[in-house]
Amino acid sequence: MNRFVVPAIIVGVFGATSIANAATVSGTIKNINIAKDSVTLDNGSAFVVPSTLKLAAFKVGEKVSITYSQSNGQMKASALTPSS
């Protein structure tokens, strides 16, 4: 039983750490760069998005919510969703 407890604790600690580093921001899209997989909001914040996220589905001027984490000086989006 002990061999399962320690890995569960480790997963719990590291899982909570990555959740704590995630943040969400809302804004209006100012620029979309499909070639660089990035989006910039009207407040000047720029986010790198995963190539699996279809930026072509979004338009400049659209209000969105972005869930992201910061790594190596870049804000990396994990989710980009329309908002009202």
PDB file of N, CA and C in Angstrom:
ATOM      1  N   MET A   1       0.820  -1.198   0.000  1.00  0.00           N
ATOM      2  CA  MET A   1       0.000   0.000   0.000  1.00  0.00           C
ATOM      3  C   MET A   1       0.863   1.262   0.000  1.00  0.00           C
ATOM      4  N   ASN A   2       1.970   1.272   0.723  1.00  0.00           N
ATOM      5  CA  ASN A   2       2.837   2.449   0.793  1.00  0.00           C
ATOM      6  C   ASN A   2       3.422   2.821  -0.560  1.00  0.00           C
ATOM      7  N   ARG A   3       3.622   1.871  -1.427  1.00  0.00           N
ATOM      8  CA  ARG A   3       4.206   2.196  -2.728  1.00  0.00           C
ATOM      9  C   ARG A   3       3.235   3.002  -3.595  1.00  0.00           C
ATOM     10  N   PHE A   4       1.959   3.035  -3.238  1.00  0.00           N
ATOM     11  CA  PHE A   4       0.979   3.841  -3.956  1.00  0.00           C
ATOM     12  C   PHE A   4       0.770   5.206  -3.314  1.00  0.00           C
ATOM     13  N   VAL A   5       1.024   5.323  -2.042  1.00  0.00           N
ATOM     14  CA  VAL A   5       0.783   6.570  -1.313  1.00  0.00           C
ATOM     15  C   VAL A   5       1.772   7.649  -1.722  1.00  0.00           C
ATOM     16  N   VAL A   6       3.052   7.333  -1.757  1.00  0.00           N
ATOM     17  CA  VAL A   6       4.073   8.336  -2.092  1.00  0.00           C
ATOM     18  C   VAL A   6       3.880   8.889  -3.505  1.00  0.00           C
ATOM     19  N   PRO A   7       3.705   8.057  -4.537  1.00  0.00           N
ATOM     20  CA  PRO A   7       3.460   8.634  -5.868  1.00  0.00           C
ATOM     21  C   PRO A   7       2.189   9.486  -5.916  1.00  0.00           C
ATOM     22  N   ALA A   8       1.169   9.107  -5.183  1.00  0.00           N
ATOM     23  CA  ALA A   8      -0.073   9.886  -5.164  1.00  0.00           C
ATOM     24  C   ALA A   8       0.167  11.261  -4.547  1.00  0.00           C
ATOM     25  N   ILE A   9       0.959  11.316  -3.507  1.00  0.00           N
ATOM     26  CA  ILE A   9       1.282  12.604  -2.877  1.00  0.00           C
ATOM     27  C   ILE A   9       2.082  13.471  -3.836  1.00  0.00           C
ATOM     28  N   ILE A  10       3.066  12.891  -4.506  1.00  0.00           N
ATOM     29  CA  ILE A  10       3.893  13.646  -5.448  1.00  0.00           C
ATOM     30  C   ILE A  10       3.033  14.205  -6.580  1.00  0.00           C
ATOM     31  N   VAL A  11       2.166  13.393  -7.144  1.00  0.00           N
ATOM     32  CA  VAL A  11       1.278  13.851  -8.217  1.00  0.00           C
ATOM     33  C   VAL A  11       0.376  14.964  -7.709  1.00  0.00           C
ATOM     34  N   GLY A  12      -0.135  14.827  -6.499  1.00  0.00           N
ATOM     35  CA  GLY A  12      -0.995  15.851  -5.922  1.00  0.00           C
ATOM     36  C   GLY A  12      -0.281  17.177  -5.747  1.00  0.00           C
ATOM     37  N   VAL A  13       0.950  17.148  -5.266  1.00  0.00           N
ATOM     38  CA  VAL A  13       1.709  18.382  -5.056  1.00  0.00           C
ATOM     39  C   VAL A  13       2.026  19.044  -6.382  1.00  0.00           C
ATOM     40  N   PHE A  14       2.556  18.305  -7.338  1.00  0.00           N
ATOM     41  CA  PHE A  14       2.904  18.904  -8.626  1.00  0.00           C
ATOM     42  C   PHE A  14       1.673  19.308  -9.413  1.00  0.00           C
ATOM     43  N   GLY A  15       0.592  18.557  -9.308  1.00  0.00           N
ATOM     44  CA  GLY A  15      -0.658  18.925  -9.975  1.00  0.00           C
ATOM     45  C   GLY A  15      -1.196  20.233  -9.437  1.00  0.00           C
ATOM     46  N   ALA A  16      -1.157  20.424  -8.141  1.00  0.00           N
ATOM     47  CA  ALA A  16      -1.642  21.671  -7.538  1.00  0.00           C
ATOM     48  C   ALA A  16      -0.758  22.845  -7.930  1.00  0.00           C
ATOM     49  N   THR A  17       0.534  22.611  -8.076  1.00  0.00           N
ATOM     50  CA  THR A  17       1.449  23.677  -8.471  1.00  0.00           C
ATOM     51  C   THR A  17       1.142  24.173  -9.870  1.00  0.00           C
ATOM     52  N   SER A  18       0.901  23.274 -10.814  1.00  0.00           N
ATOM     53  CA  SER A  18       0.635  23.725 -12.172  1.00  0.00           C
ATOM     54  C   SER A  18      -0.722  24.404 -12.282  1.00  0.00           C
ATOM     55  N   ILE A  19      -1.692  23.992 -11.482  1.00  0.00           N
ATOM     56  CA  ILE A  19      -2.987  24.662 -11.485  1.00  0.00           C
ATOM     57  C   ILE A  19      -2.847  26.062 -10.914  1.00  0.00           C
ATOM     58  N   ALA A  20      -2.035  26.212  -9.885  1.00  0.00           N
ATOM     59  CA  ALA A  20      -1.864  27.509  -9.241  1.00  0.00           C
ATOM     60  C   ALA A  20      -1.201  28.514 -10.178  1.00  0.00           C
ATOM     61  N   ASN A  21      -0.411  28.050 -11.122  1.00  0.00           N
ATOM     62  CA  ASN A  21       0.285  28.950 -12.036  1.00  0.00           C
ATOM     63  C   ASN A  21      -0.585  29.399 -13.204  1.00  0.00           C
ATOM     64  N   ALA A  22      -1.714  28.764 -13.416  1.00  0.00           N
ATOM     65  CA  ALA A  22      -2.601  29.136 -14.513  1.00  0.00           C
ATOM     66  C   ALA A  22      -3.391  30.385 -14.133  1.00  0.00           C
ATOM     67  N   ALA A  23      -3.592  31.244 -15.111  1.00  0.00           N
ATOM     68  CA  ALA A  23      -4.375  32.464 -14.908  1.00  0.00           C
ATOM     69  C   ALA A  23      -5.311  32.637 -16.095  1.00  0.00           C
ATOM     70  N   THR A  24      -6.326  33.449 -15.911  1.00  0.00           N
ATOM     71  CA  THR A  24      -7.269  33.738 -16.987  1.00  0.00           C
ATOM     72  C   THR A  24      -7.385  35.236 -17.146  1.00  0.00           C
ATOM     73  N   VAL A  25      -7.419  35.684 -18.392  1.00  0.00           N
ATOM     74  CA  VAL A  25      -7.574  37.099 -18.709  1.00  0.00           C
ATOM     75  C   VAL A  25      -8.631  37.228 -19.801  1.00  0.00           C
ATOM     76  N   SER A  26      -9.375  38.316 -19.758  1.00  0.00           N
ATOM     77  CA  SER A  26     -10.362  38.591 -20.800  1.00  0.00           C
ATOM     78  C   SER A  26      -9.989  39.879 -21.505  1.00  0.00           C
ATOM     79  N   GLY A  27     -10.320  39.962 -22.773  1.00  0.00           N
ATOM     80  CA  GLY A  27     -10.039  41.165 -23.543  1.00  0.00           C
ATOM     81  C   GLY A  27     -10.545  41.031 -24.964  1.00  0.00           C
ATOM     82  N   THR A  28     -10.201  42.026 -25.762  1.00  0.00           N
ATOM     83  CA  THR A  28     -10.595  42.052 -27.167  1.00  0.00           C
ATOM     84  C   THR A  28      -9.364  41.792 -28.028  1.00  0.00           C
ATOM     85  N   ILE A  29      -9.520  40.930 -29.017  1.00  0.00           N
ATOM     86  CA  ILE A  29      -8.396  40.598 -29.894  1.00  0.00           C
ATOM     87  C   ILE A  29      -8.014  41.813 -30.733  1.00  0.00           C
ATOM     88  N   LYS A  30      -6.739  42.172 -30.663  1.00  0.00           N
ATOM     89  CA  LYS A  30      -6.209  43.282 -31.453  1.00  0.00           C
ATOM     90  C   LYS A  30      -5.480  42.760 -32.691  1.00  0.00           C
ATOM     91  N   ASN A  31      -4.803  41.615 -32.548  1.00  0.00           N
ATOM     92  CA  ASN A  31      -4.022  41.072 -33.657  1.00  0.00           C
ATOM     93  C   ASN A  31      -3.968  39.551 -33.539  1.00  0.00           C
ATOM     94  N   ILE A  32      -4.053  38.892 -34.694  1.00  0.00           N
ATOM     95  CA  ILE A  32      -3.908  37.435 -34.767  1.00  0.00           C
ATOM     96  C   ILE A  32      -2.798  37.147 -35.766  1.00  0.00           C
ATOM     97  N   ASN A  33      -1.805  36.356 -35.348  1.00  0.00           N
ATOM     98  CA  ASN A  33      -0.725  35.961 -36.237  1.00  0.00           C
ATOM     99  C   ASN A  33      -0.755  34.436 -36.340  1.00  0.00           C
ATOM    100  N   ILE A  34      -1.428  33.959 -37.375  1.00  0.00           N
ATOM    101  CA  ILE A  34      -1.594  32.517 -37.551  1.00  0.00           C
ATOM    102  C   ILE A  34      -0.251  31.841 -37.817  1.00  0.00           C
ATOM    103  N   ALA A  35       0.641  32.488 -38.543  1.00  0.00           N
ATOM    104  CA  ALA A  35       1.949  31.902 -38.866  1.00  0.00           C
ATOM    105  C   ALA A  35       2.790  31.673 -37.612  1.00  0.00           C
ATOM    106  N   LYS A  36       2.647  32.548 -36.613  1.00  0.00           N
ATOM    107  CA  LYS A  36       3.427  32.423 -35.376  1.00  0.00           C
ATOM    108  C   LYS A  36       2.603  31.866 -34.220  1.00  0.00           C
ATOM    109  N   ASP A  37       1.372  31.432 -34.513  1.00  0.00           N
ATOM    110  CA  ASP A  37       0.480  30.888 -33.476  1.00  0.00           C
ATOM    111  C   ASP A  37       0.403  31.823 -32.274  1.00  0.00           C
ATOM    112  N   SER A  38       0.082  33.096 -32.533  1.00  0.00           N
ATOM    113  CA  SER A  38      -0.014  34.056 -31.435  1.00  0.00           C
ATOM    114  C   SER A  38      -1.215  34.979 -31.609  1.00  0.00           C
ATOM    115  N   VAL A  39      -1.644  35.514 -30.477  1.00  0.00           N
ATOM    116  CA  VAL A  39      -2.752  36.457 -30.463  1.00  0.00           C
ATOM    117  C   VAL A  39      -2.385  37.571 -29.475  1.00  0.00           C
ATOM    118  N   THR A  40      -2.733  38.804 -29.847  1.00  0.00           N
ATOM    119  CA  THR A  40      -2.475  39.964 -28.993  1.00  0.00           C
ATOM    120  C   THR A  40      -3.814  40.602 -28.643  1.00  0.00           C
ATOM    121  N   LEU A  41      -3.974  40.926 -27.366  1.00  0.00           N
ATOM    122  CA  LEU A  41      -5.197  41.586 -26.915  1.00  0.00           C
ATOM    123  C   LEU A  41      -5.036  43.097 -26.968  1.00  0.00           C
ATOM    124  N   ASP A  42      -6.150  43.808 -26.804  1.00  0.00           N
ATOM    125  CA  ASP A  42      -6.148  45.260 -26.876  1.00  0.00           C
ATOM    126  C   ASP A  42      -5.336  45.919 -25.761  1.00  0.00           C
ATOM    127  N   ASN A  43      -5.024  45.180 -24.688  1.00  0.00           N
ATOM    128  CA  ASN A  43      -4.193  45.741 -23.622  1.00  0.00           C
ATOM    129  C   ASN A  43      -2.701  45.545 -23.882  1.00  0.00           C
ATOM    130  N   GLY A  44      -2.363  44.937 -25.028  1.00  0.00           N
ATOM    131  CA  GLY A  44      -0.968  44.726 -25.413  1.00  0.00           C
ATOM    132  C   GLY A  44      -0.398  43.381 -25.015  1.00  0.00           C
ATOM    133  N   SER A  45      -1.139  42.592 -24.270  1.00  0.00           N
ATOM    134  CA  SER A  45      -0.669  41.269 -23.862  1.00  0.00           C
ATOM    135  C   SER A  45      -0.659  40.334 -25.062  1.00  0.00           C
ATOM    136  N   ALA A  46       0.469  39.660 -25.264  1.00  0.00           N
ATOM    137  CA  ALA A  46       0.606  38.723 -26.383  1.00  0.00           C
ATOM    138  C   ALA A  46       0.724  37.305 -25.837  1.00  0.00           C
ATOM    139  N   PHE A  47       0.040  36.368 -26.479  1.00  0.00           N
ATOM    140  CA  PHE A  47       0.000  34.983 -26.034  1.00  0.00           C
ATOM    141  C   PHE A  47       0.370  34.061 -27.179  1.00  0.00           C
ATOM    142  N   VAL A  48       1.178  33.061 -26.868  1.00  0.00           N
ATOM    143  CA  VAL A  48       1.470  31.987 -27.810  1.00  0.00           C
ATOM    144  C   VAL A  48       0.411  30.925 -27.571  1.00  0.00           C
ATOM    145  N   VAL A  49      -0.191  30.448 -28.647  1.00  0.00           N
ATOM    146  CA  VAL A  49      -1.244  29.431 -28.516  1.00  0.00           C
ATOM    147  C   VAL A  49      -0.764  28.129 -29.147  1.00  0.00           C
ATOM    148  N   PRO A  50      -1.251  26.993 -28.671  1.00  0.00           N
ATOM    149  CA  PRO A  50      -0.844  25.730 -29.280  1.00  0.00           C
ATOM    150  C   PRO A  50      -1.336  25.646 -30.718  1.00  0.00           C
ATOM    151  N   SER A  51      -0.560  24.986 -31.554  1.00  0.00           N
ATOM    152  CA  SER A  51      -0.931  24.889 -32.968  1.00  0.00           C
ATOM    153  C   SER A  51      -2.225  24.107 -33.163  1.00  0.00           C
ATOM    154  N   THR A  52      -2.636  23.356 -32.176  1.00  0.00           N
ATOM    155  CA  THR A  52      -3.885  22.607 -32.272  1.00  0.00           C
ATOM    156  C   THR A  52      -5.108  23.515 -32.143  1.00  0.00           C
ATOM    157  N   LEU A  53      -4.911  24.712 -31.595  1.00  0.00           N
ATOM    158  CA  LEU A  53      -6.007  25.666 -31.465  1.00  0.00           C
ATOM    159  C   LEU A  53      -6.165  26.405 -32.787  1.00  0.00           C
ATOM    160  N   LYS A  54      -7.342  26.407 -33.338  1.00  0.00           N
ATOM    161  CA  LYS A  54      -7.598  26.985 -34.658  1.00  0.00           C
ATOM    162  C   LYS A  54      -7.850  28.488 -34.547  1.00  0.00           C
ATOM    163  N   LEU A  55      -6.795  29.282 -34.737  1.00  0.00           N
ATOM    164  CA  LEU A  55      -6.916  30.737 -34.656  1.00  0.00           C
ATOM    165  C   LEU A  55      -7.798  31.308 -35.753  1.00  0.00           C
ATOM    166  N   ALA A  56      -7.923  30.613 -36.864  1.00  0.00           N
ATOM    167  CA  ALA A  56      -8.758  31.093 -37.961  1.00  0.00           C
ATOM    168  C   ALA A  56     -10.228  31.210 -37.558  1.00  0.00           C
ATOM    169  N   ALA A  57     -10.605  30.555 -36.470  1.00  0.00           N
ATOM    170  CA  ALA A  57     -11.988  30.615 -35.996  1.00  0.00           C
ATOM    171  C   ALA A  57     -12.285  31.922 -35.242  1.00  0.00           C
ATOM    172  N   PHE A  58     -11.241  32.693 -34.951  1.00  0.00           N
ATOM    173  CA  PHE A  58     -11.398  33.945 -34.209  1.00  0.00           C
ATOM    174  C   PHE A  58     -11.149  35.132 -35.124  1.00  0.00           C
ATOM    175  N   LYS A  59     -11.683  36.296 -34.721  1.00  0.00           N
ATOM    176  CA  LYS A  59     -11.554  37.515 -35.537  1.00  0.00           C
ATOM    177  C   LYS A  59     -11.050  38.669 -34.689  1.00  0.00           C
ATOM    178  N   VAL A  60     -10.329  39.588 -35.319  1.00  0.00           N
ATOM    179  CA  VAL A  60      -9.919  40.819 -34.656  1.00  0.00           C
ATOM    180  C   VAL A  60     -11.180  41.550 -34.209  1.00  0.00           C
ATOM    181  N   GLY A  61     -11.164  42.063 -32.988  1.00  0.00           N
ATOM    182  CA  GLY A  61     -12.320  42.749 -32.426  1.00  0.00           C
ATOM    183  C   GLY A  61     -13.223  41.854 -31.596  1.00  0.00           C
ATOM    184  N   GLU A  62     -12.962  40.548 -31.615  1.00  0.00           N
ATOM    185  CA  GLU A  62     -13.775  39.601 -30.852  1.00  0.00           C
ATOM    186  C   GLU A  62     -13.321  39.579 -29.387  1.00  0.00           C
ATOM    187  N   LYS A  63     -14.290  39.531 -28.471  1.00  0.00           N
ATOM    188  CA  LYS A  63     -13.982  39.433 -27.051  1.00  0.00           C
ATOM    189  C   LYS A  63     -13.728  37.970 -26.713  1.00  0.00           C
ATOM    190  N   VAL A  64     -12.622  37.731 -25.978  1.00  0.00           N
ATOM    191  CA  VAL A  64     -12.227  36.364 -25.643  1.00  0.00           C
ATOM    192  C   VAL A  64     -11.741  36.270 -24.205  1.00  0.00           C
ATOM    193  N   SER A  65     -11.695  35.056 -23.712  1.00  0.00           N
ATOM    194  CA  SER A  65     -11.055  34.724 -22.442  1.00  0.00           C
ATOM    195  C   SER A  65      -9.910  33.783 -22.759  1.00  0.00           C
ATOM    196  N   ILE A  66      -8.762  34.036 -22.140  1.00  0.00           N
ATOM    197  CA  ILE A  66      -7.584  33.205 -22.383  1.00  0.00           C
ATOM    198  C   ILE A  66      -7.091  32.660 -21.052  1.00  0.00           C
ATOM    199  N   THR A  67      -6.949  31.350 -20.978  1.00  0.00           N
ATOM    200  CA  THR A  67      -6.320  30.706 -19.835  1.00  0.00           C
ATOM    201  C   THR A  67      -4.871  30.457 -20.243  1.00  0.00           C
ATOM    202  N   TYR A  68      -3.938  30.879 -19.399  1.00  0.00           N
ATOM    203  CA  TYR A  68      -2.527  30.812 -19.781  1.00  0.00           C
ATOM    204  C   TYR A  68      -1.645  30.569 -18.570  1.00  0.00           C
ATOM    205  N   SER A  69      -0.398  30.234 -18.858  1.00  0.00           N
ATOM    206  CA  SER A  69       0.643  30.158 -17.842  1.00  0.00           C
ATOM    207  C   SER A  69       1.866  30.855 -18.420  1.00  0.00           C
ATOM    208  N   GLN A  70       2.733  31.328 -17.537  1.00  0.00           N
ATOM    209  CA  GLN A  70       3.920  32.037 -17.993  1.00  0.00           C
ATOM    210  C   GLN A  70       5.117  31.110 -17.863  1.00  0.00           C
ATOM    211  N   SER A  71       5.895  31.022 -18.938  1.00  0.00           N
ATOM    212  CA  SER A  71       7.055  30.146 -18.965  1.00  0.00           C
ATOM    213  C   SER A  71       8.127  30.757 -19.859  1.00  0.00           C
ATOM    214  N   ASN A  72       9.331  30.868 -19.347  1.00  0.00           N
ATOM    215  CA  ASN A  72      10.459  31.427 -20.106  1.00  0.00           C
ATOM    216  C   ASN A  72      10.140  32.786 -20.709  1.00  0.00           C
ATOM    217  N   GLY A  73       9.444  33.618 -19.949  1.00  0.00           N
ATOM    218  CA  GLY A  73       9.132  34.968 -20.399  1.00  0.00           C
ATOM    219  C   GLY A  73       7.994  35.064 -21.402  1.00  0.00           C
ATOM    220  N   GLN A  74       7.360  33.943 -21.724  1.00  0.00           N
ATOM    221  CA  GLN A  74       6.236  33.945 -22.664  1.00  0.00           C
ATOM    222  C   GLN A  74       4.965  33.552 -21.943  1.00  0.00           C
ATOM    223  N   MET A  75       3.857  34.147 -22.371  1.00  0.00           N
ATOM    224  CA  MET A  75       2.556  33.743 -21.865  1.00  0.00           C
ATOM    225  C   MET A  75       2.002  32.717 -22.849  1.00  0.00           C
ATOM    226  N   LYS A  76       1.846  31.485 -22.367  1.00  0.00           N
ATOM    227  CA  LYS A  76       1.422  30.379 -23.220  1.00  0.00           C
ATOM    228  C   LYS A  76      -0.031  30.024 -22.906  1.00  0.00           C
ATOM    229  N   ALA A  77      -0.882  30.210 -23.905  1.00  0.00           N
ATOM    230  CA  ALA A  77      -2.310  29.953 -23.736  1.00  0.00           C
ATOM    231  C   ALA A  77      -2.571  28.455 -23.771  1.00  0.00           C
ATOM    232  N   SER A  78      -3.453  28.013 -22.888  1.00  0.00           N
ATOM    233  CA  SER A  78      -3.905  26.630 -22.927  1.00  0.00           C
ATOM    234  C   SER A  78      -5.357  26.562 -23.407  1.00  0.00           C
ATOM    235  N   ALA A  79      -6.067  27.702 -23.331  1.00  0.00           N
ATOM    236  CA  ALA A  79      -7.445  27.761 -23.811  1.00  0.00           C
ATOM    237  C   ALA A  79      -7.756  29.178 -24.275  1.00  0.00           C
ATOM    238  N   LEU A  80      -8.503  29.274 -25.353  1.00  0.00           N
ATOM    239  CA  LEU A  80      -8.958  30.545 -25.914  1.00  0.00           C
ATOM    240  C   LEU A  80     -10.425  30.369 -26.264  1.00  0.00           C
ATOM    241  N   THR A  81     -11.288  31.104 -25.575  1.00  0.00           N
ATOM    242  CA  THR A  81     -12.718  30.934 -25.773  1.00  0.00           C
ATOM    243  C   THR A  81     -13.407  32.278 -25.958  1.00  0.00           C
ATOM    244  N   PRO A  82     -14.452  32.322 -26.777  1.00  0.00           N
ATOM    245  CA  PRO A  82     -15.216  33.571 -26.923  1.00  0.00           C
ATOM    246  C   PRO A  82     -15.873  33.952 -25.590  1.00  0.00           C
ATOM    247  N   SER A  83     -15.956  35.235 -25.317  1.00  0.00           N
ATOM    248  CA  SER A  83     -16.661  35.700 -24.120  1.00  0.00           C
ATOM    249  C   SER A  83     -17.575  36.846 -24.487  1.00  0.00           C
ATOM    250  N   SER A  84     -18.467  37.162 -23.579  1.00  0.00           N
ATOM    251  CA  SER A  84     -19.411  38.241 -23.872  1.00  0.00           C
ATOM    252  C   SER A  84     -19.108  39.484 -23.074  1.00  0.00           C
TER     253      SER A  84
END
